[in-house]
Amino acid sequence: MMWAHSEIVNGLPVEYGYNGTVFNELFTDLSDNEQQKALDWVATYIKPIKSENRKHTSYGLKHLLEHDTGIYMCNNQFKHLMLICGYEPVREYPLNWTFRISEKQLRKRSRR
């Protein structure tokens, strides 16, 4: 059995499932309106810091975005969004990425 993982290929995220399935859906596959709403969400709630935030992975963050905006995207699309916004993963090979982002800023979304 293969292990699930991801990597960045030519600047784009790619996920490999346990059975060898390749997931390469991109953020840019979403509608223009969905893209703009997601970009606005990241600009509002995601802020860079120097240390890794281990409380939220790409998978968990995509669910927060969906809860707040109603936009569904797969994990790979969320990773692509973060790359577009200038957030590199701490490590690119785990299936679910972590980032150097502020927990304090994310907590502000719960006060909405």
N, C-alpha and C. Protein backbone atom coordinates (compact mmCIF):
# COMPACT_ATOMS: atom_id res chain seq x y z
N MET A 1 0.84 -1.18 0.00
CA MET A 1 0.00 0.00 0.00
C MET A 1 0.89 1.25 0.00
N MET A 2 0.54 2.19 -0.83
CA MET A 2 1.27 3.45 -0.88
C MET A 2 0.78 4.35 0.25
N TRP A 3 1.60 5.26 0.69
CA TRP A 3 1.18 6.21 1.71
C TRP A 3 0.76 7.51 1.04
N ALA A 4 -0.27 8.13 1.60
CA ALA A 4 -0.77 9.38 1.05
C ALA A 4 0.21 10.50 1.38
N HIS A 5 0.45 11.35 0.41
CA HIS A 5 1.36 12.48 0.62
C HIS A 5 1.09 13.54 -0.44
N SER A 6 1.80 14.61 -0.33
CA SER A 6 1.67 15.67 -1.33
C SER A 6 3.04 16.24 -1.63
N GLU A 7 3.09 17.03 -2.68
CA GLU A 7 4.31 17.72 -3.03
C GLU A 7 3.95 18.90 -3.92
N ILE A 8 4.93 19.77 -4.13
CA ILE A 8 4.76 20.89 -5.03
C ILE A 8 5.50 20.56 -6.32
N VAL A 9 4.78 20.57 -7.43
CA VAL A 9 5.33 20.25 -8.74
C VAL A 9 5.13 21.47 -9.64
N ASN A 10 6.21 22.04 -10.11
CA ASN A 10 6.14 23.24 -10.96
C ASN A 10 5.31 24.35 -10.32
N GLY A 11 5.47 24.50 -9.01
CA GLY A 11 4.78 25.56 -8.28
C GLY A 11 3.35 25.26 -7.91
N LEU A 12 2.86 24.05 -8.23
CA LEU A 12 1.48 23.68 -7.94
C LEU A 12 1.42 22.48 -7.01
N PRO A 13 0.44 22.46 -6.09
CA PRO A 13 0.33 21.32 -5.18
C PRO A 13 -0.29 20.11 -5.89
N VAL A 14 0.18 18.93 -5.52
CA VAL A 14 -0.37 17.68 -6.03
C VAL A 14 -0.46 16.72 -4.84
N GLU A 15 -1.60 16.06 -4.71
CA GLU A 15 -1.79 15.06 -3.65
C GLU A 15 -1.82 13.67 -4.27
N TYR A 16 -1.25 12.73 -3.55
CA TYR A 16 -1.26 11.33 -3.96
C TYR A 16 -1.98 10.53 -2.89
N GLY A 17 -3.07 9.87 -3.26
CA GLY A 17 -3.86 9.10 -2.31
C GLY A 17 -3.22 7.76 -1.98
N TYR A 18 -3.80 7.09 -1.00
CA TYR A 18 -3.29 5.79 -0.55
C TYR A 18 -3.26 4.77 -1.67
N ASN A 19 -4.20 4.86 -2.59
CA ASN A 19 -4.27 3.88 -3.67
C ASN A 19 -3.57 4.35 -4.94
N GLY A 20 -2.78 5.42 -4.82
CA GLY A 20 -2.06 5.93 -5.98
C GLY A 20 -2.83 6.96 -6.79
N THR A 21 -4.06 7.29 -6.35
CA THR A 21 -4.85 8.30 -7.03
C THR A 21 -4.16 9.66 -6.92
N VAL A 22 -4.16 10.40 -8.01
CA VAL A 22 -3.57 11.73 -8.03
C VAL A 22 -4.69 12.77 -7.97
N PHE A 23 -4.56 13.71 -7.04
CA PHE A 23 -5.52 14.80 -6.89
C PHE A 23 -4.78 16.08 -7.24
N ASN A 24 -5.20 16.72 -8.32
CA ASN A 24 -4.51 17.94 -8.73
C ASN A 24 -5.48 19.06 -9.08
N GLU A 25 -6.67 19.04 -8.46
CA GLU A 25 -7.61 20.13 -8.65
C GLU A 25 -6.97 21.41 -8.13
N LEU A 26 -7.21 22.52 -8.80
CA LEU A 26 -6.57 23.78 -8.43
C LEU A 26 -7.60 24.82 -8.00
N PHE A 27 -7.15 25.76 -7.23
CA PHE A 27 -7.97 26.88 -6.79
C PHE A 27 -8.56 27.61 -7.99
N THR A 28 -7.80 27.72 -9.04
CA THR A 28 -8.24 28.44 -10.23
C THR A 28 -9.35 27.70 -10.99
N ASP A 29 -9.70 26.48 -10.58
CA ASP A 29 -10.83 25.76 -11.16
C ASP A 29 -12.17 26.29 -10.63
N LEU A 30 -12.14 27.05 -9.53
CA LEU A 30 -13.35 27.62 -8.95
C LEU A 30 -13.81 28.81 -9.79
N SER A 31 -15.06 29.22 -9.60
CA SER A 31 -15.57 30.39 -10.33
C SER A 31 -14.83 31.65 -9.88
N ASP A 32 -14.87 32.67 -10.70
CA ASP A 32 -14.22 33.94 -10.36
C ASP A 32 -14.76 34.50 -9.05
N ASN A 33 -16.08 34.41 -8.84
CA ASN A 33 -16.70 34.90 -7.62
C ASN A 33 -16.20 34.13 -6.40
N GLU A 34 -16.15 32.80 -6.52
CA GLU A 34 -15.65 31.98 -5.40
C GLU A 34 -14.19 32.29 -5.12
N GLN A 35 -13.39 32.45 -6.16
CA GLN A 35 -11.98 32.77 -5.98
C GLN A 35 -11.83 34.09 -5.22
N GLN A 36 -12.59 35.10 -5.60
CA GLN A 36 -12.47 36.40 -4.94
C GLN A 36 -12.88 36.33 -3.47
N LYS A 37 -13.97 35.61 -3.19
CA LYS A 37 -14.41 35.46 -1.80
C LYS A 37 -13.35 34.74 -0.96
N ALA A 38 -12.75 33.70 -1.54
CA ALA A 38 -11.72 32.95 -0.81
C ALA A 38 -10.47 33.80 -0.60
N LEU A 39 -10.08 34.55 -1.60
CA LEU A 39 -8.92 35.45 -1.46
C LEU A 39 -9.19 36.49 -0.38
N ASP A 40 -10.40 37.02 -0.34
CA ASP A 40 -10.76 38.00 0.69
C ASP A 40 -10.73 37.37 2.08
N TRP A 41 -11.19 36.12 2.19
CA TRP A 41 -11.18 35.42 3.47
C TRP A 41 -9.74 35.25 3.97
N VAL A 42 -8.85 34.82 3.09
CA VAL A 42 -7.45 34.66 3.48
C VAL A 42 -6.86 36.01 3.89
N ALA A 43 -7.13 37.06 3.13
CA ALA A 43 -6.60 38.38 3.45
C ALA A 43 -7.10 38.87 4.81
N THR A 44 -8.30 38.47 5.18
CA THR A 44 -8.89 38.91 6.45
C THR A 44 -8.41 38.08 7.64
N TYR A 45 -8.33 36.76 7.49
CA TYR A 45 -8.11 35.89 8.64
C TYR A 45 -6.76 35.19 8.70
N ILE A 46 -5.98 35.23 7.66
CA ILE A 46 -4.69 34.55 7.67
C ILE A 46 -3.58 35.61 7.66
N LYS A 47 -2.76 35.59 8.69
CA LYS A 47 -1.66 36.54 8.79
C LYS A 47 -0.37 35.76 9.07
N PRO A 48 0.73 36.18 8.44
CA PRO A 48 1.99 35.45 8.63
C PRO A 48 2.64 35.72 9.98
N ILE A 49 3.30 34.70 10.50
CA ILE A 49 4.16 34.82 11.67
C ILE A 49 5.39 33.97 11.39
N LYS A 50 6.36 33.99 12.29
CA LYS A 50 7.60 33.25 12.06
C LYS A 50 7.53 31.78 12.45
N SER A 51 6.62 31.44 13.36
CA SER A 51 6.57 30.06 13.83
C SER A 51 5.39 29.29 13.24
N GLU A 52 5.53 28.00 13.23
CA GLU A 52 4.52 27.10 12.68
C GLU A 52 3.28 27.07 13.57
N ASN A 53 2.11 27.10 12.97
CA ASN A 53 0.85 26.93 13.68
C ASN A 53 0.43 25.48 13.47
N ARG A 54 0.57 24.68 14.51
CA ARG A 54 0.23 23.25 14.42
C ARG A 54 -1.23 22.97 14.76
N LYS A 55 -1.97 24.01 15.12
CA LYS A 55 -3.38 23.82 15.48
C LYS A 55 -4.27 23.68 14.26
N HIS A 56 -3.81 24.16 13.12
CA HIS A 56 -4.64 24.15 11.91
C HIS A 56 -3.84 23.63 10.73
N THR A 57 -4.37 22.60 10.09
CA THR A 57 -3.77 22.11 8.84
C THR A 57 -4.56 22.66 7.67
N SER A 58 -4.05 22.44 6.49
CA SER A 58 -4.77 22.87 5.28
C SER A 58 -6.18 22.28 5.27
N TYR A 59 -6.32 21.05 5.70
CA TYR A 59 -7.62 20.39 5.70
C TYR A 59 -8.59 21.09 6.65
N GLY A 60 -8.13 21.40 7.84
CA GLY A 60 -8.98 22.09 8.80
C GLY A 60 -9.29 23.52 8.37
N LEU A 61 -8.31 24.20 7.82
CA LEU A 61 -8.52 25.59 7.37
C LEU A 61 -9.54 25.66 6.25
N LYS A 62 -9.51 24.69 5.35
CA LYS A 62 -10.48 24.71 4.24
C LYS A 62 -11.90 24.57 4.78
N HIS A 63 -12.07 23.85 5.88
CA HIS A 63 -13.39 23.72 6.50
C HIS A 63 -13.82 25.02 7.16
N LEU A 64 -12.88 25.75 7.77
CA LEU A 64 -13.22 27.06 8.35
C LEU A 64 -13.67 28.01 7.25
N LEU A 65 -12.93 28.02 6.14
CA LEU A 65 -13.29 28.87 5.01
C LEU A 65 -14.67 28.49 4.49
N GLU A 66 -14.94 27.21 4.36
CA GLU A 66 -16.25 26.76 3.87
C GLU A 66 -17.37 27.19 4.82
N HIS A 67 -17.13 27.05 6.13
CA HIS A 67 -18.12 27.45 7.12
C HIS A 67 -18.44 28.94 6.99
N ASP A 68 -17.42 29.75 6.80
CA ASP A 68 -17.60 31.20 6.75
C ASP A 68 -18.14 31.71 5.42
N THR A 69 -17.82 31.04 4.33
CA THR A 69 -18.15 31.57 3.00
C THR A 69 -19.14 30.72 2.21
N GLY A 70 -19.30 29.45 2.60
CA GLY A 70 -20.14 28.54 1.84
C GLY A 70 -19.44 27.95 0.62
N ILE A 71 -18.16 28.23 0.47
CA ILE A 71 -17.41 27.75 -0.69
C ILE A 71 -16.75 26.42 -0.36
N TYR A 72 -17.11 25.37 -1.11
CA TYR A 72 -16.45 24.08 -0.95
C TYR A 72 -15.24 24.03 -1.87
N MET A 73 -14.14 23.59 -1.32
CA MET A 73 -12.97 23.28 -2.15
C MET A 73 -12.28 22.08 -1.52
N CYS A 74 -11.59 21.33 -2.34
CA CYS A 74 -10.84 20.19 -1.82
C CYS A 74 -9.55 20.69 -1.18
N ASN A 75 -8.90 19.82 -0.45
CA ASN A 75 -7.66 20.17 0.25
C ASN A 75 -6.61 20.71 -0.72
N ASN A 76 -6.49 20.09 -1.88
CA ASN A 76 -5.47 20.53 -2.84
C ASN A 76 -5.77 21.94 -3.35
N GLN A 77 -7.05 22.24 -3.54
CA GLN A 77 -7.41 23.59 -3.98
C GLN A 77 -7.08 24.62 -2.89
N PHE A 78 -7.31 24.25 -1.62
CA PHE A 78 -6.96 25.17 -0.55
C PHE A 78 -5.45 25.39 -0.48
N LYS A 79 -4.69 24.33 -0.66
CA LYS A 79 -3.23 24.47 -0.68
C LYS A 79 -2.79 25.42 -1.79
N HIS A 80 -3.41 25.29 -2.97
CA HIS A 80 -3.09 26.17 -4.08
C HIS A 80 -3.43 27.62 -3.73
N LEU A 81 -4.58 27.84 -3.09
CA LEU A 81 -4.96 29.17 -2.63
C LEU A 81 -3.88 29.75 -1.72
N MET A 82 -3.42 28.96 -0.77
CA MET A 82 -2.40 29.45 0.16
C MET A 82 -1.09 29.78 -0.57
N LEU A 83 -0.71 28.96 -1.53
CA LEU A 83 0.49 29.25 -2.32
C LEU A 83 0.32 30.56 -3.10
N ILE A 84 -0.84 30.75 -3.70
CA ILE A 84 -1.12 31.98 -4.45
C ILE A 84 -1.00 33.20 -3.54
N CYS A 85 -1.44 33.03 -2.29
CA CYS A 85 -1.41 34.14 -1.32
C CYS A 85 -0.04 34.31 -0.66
N GLY A 86 0.93 33.48 -1.06
CA GLY A 86 2.29 33.64 -0.56
C GLY A 86 2.64 32.83 0.67
N TYR A 87 1.77 31.88 1.05
CA TYR A 87 2.03 31.05 2.23
C TYR A 87 2.57 29.70 1.80
N GLU A 88 3.82 29.47 2.08
CA GLU A 88 4.46 28.18 1.80
C GLU A 88 4.19 27.22 2.95
N PRO A 89 4.04 25.94 2.67
CA PRO A 89 3.88 24.99 3.77
C PRO A 89 5.18 24.85 4.55
N VAL A 90 5.05 24.50 5.83
CA VAL A 90 6.24 24.24 6.63
C VAL A 90 6.97 23.04 6.03
N ARG A 91 6.22 22.02 5.67
CA ARG A 91 6.74 20.83 4.98
C ARG A 91 5.76 20.49 3.87
N GLU A 92 6.24 20.24 2.68
CA GLU A 92 5.32 20.01 1.56
C GLU A 92 4.88 18.57 1.39
N TYR A 93 5.52 17.61 2.06
CA TYR A 93 5.23 16.21 1.80
C TYR A 93 4.08 15.61 2.60
N PRO A 94 3.75 16.12 3.79
CA PRO A 94 2.55 15.56 4.44
C PRO A 94 1.31 15.85 3.61
N LEU A 95 0.30 15.03 3.74
CA LEU A 95 -0.94 15.24 3.01
C LEU A 95 -1.61 16.55 3.42
N ASN A 96 -1.59 16.84 4.71
CA ASN A 96 -2.19 18.07 5.24
C ASN A 96 -1.08 19.00 5.68
N TRP A 97 -1.01 20.15 5.05
CA TRP A 97 0.06 21.11 5.31
C TRP A 97 -0.24 21.97 6.54
N THR A 98 0.84 22.40 7.19
CA THR A 98 0.76 23.44 8.21
C THR A 98 1.50 24.66 7.67
N PHE A 99 1.17 25.82 8.25
CA PHE A 99 1.73 27.07 7.77
C PHE A 99 2.20 27.91 8.95
N ARG A 100 2.96 28.93 8.66
CA ARG A 100 3.40 29.89 9.67
C ARG A 100 2.37 31.03 9.67
N ILE A 101 1.27 30.78 10.39
CA ILE A 101 0.17 31.74 10.41
C ILE A 101 -0.29 32.00 11.85
N SER A 102 -0.87 33.16 12.04
CA SER A 102 -1.28 33.61 13.37
C SER A 102 -2.55 32.92 13.86
N GLU A 103 -2.46 32.37 15.05
CA GLU A 103 -3.64 31.79 15.71
C GLU A 103 -4.55 32.92 16.18
N LYS A 104 -3.96 33.99 16.66
CA LYS A 104 -4.72 35.14 17.16
C LYS A 104 -5.65 35.68 16.07
N GLN A 105 -5.15 35.80 14.86
CA GLN A 105 -5.96 36.32 13.78
C GLN A 105 -7.10 35.36 13.43
N LEU A 106 -6.84 34.06 13.43
CA LEU A 106 -7.90 33.09 13.14
C LEU A 106 -9.00 33.11 14.19
N ARG A 107 -8.63 33.35 15.45
CA ARG A 107 -9.63 33.40 16.53
C ARG A 107 -10.61 34.54 16.33
N LYS A 108 -10.19 35.59 15.63
CA LYS A 108 -11.07 36.73 15.40
C LYS A 108 -12.29 36.34 14.58
N ARG A 109 -12.18 35.32 13.76
CA ARG A 109 -13.31 34.91 12.92
C ARG A 109 -14.44 34.35 13.76
N SER A 110 -14.15 33.83 14.93
CA SER A 110 -15.20 33.26 15.79
C SER A 110 -16.04 34.34 16.45
N ARG A 111 -15.57 35.58 16.40
CA ARG A 111 -16.31 36.69 17.00
C ARG A 111 -17.26 37.34 16.02
N ARG A 112 -17.36 36.79 14.84
CA ARG A 112 -18.22 37.37 13.80
C ARG A 112 -19.67 37.28 14.18
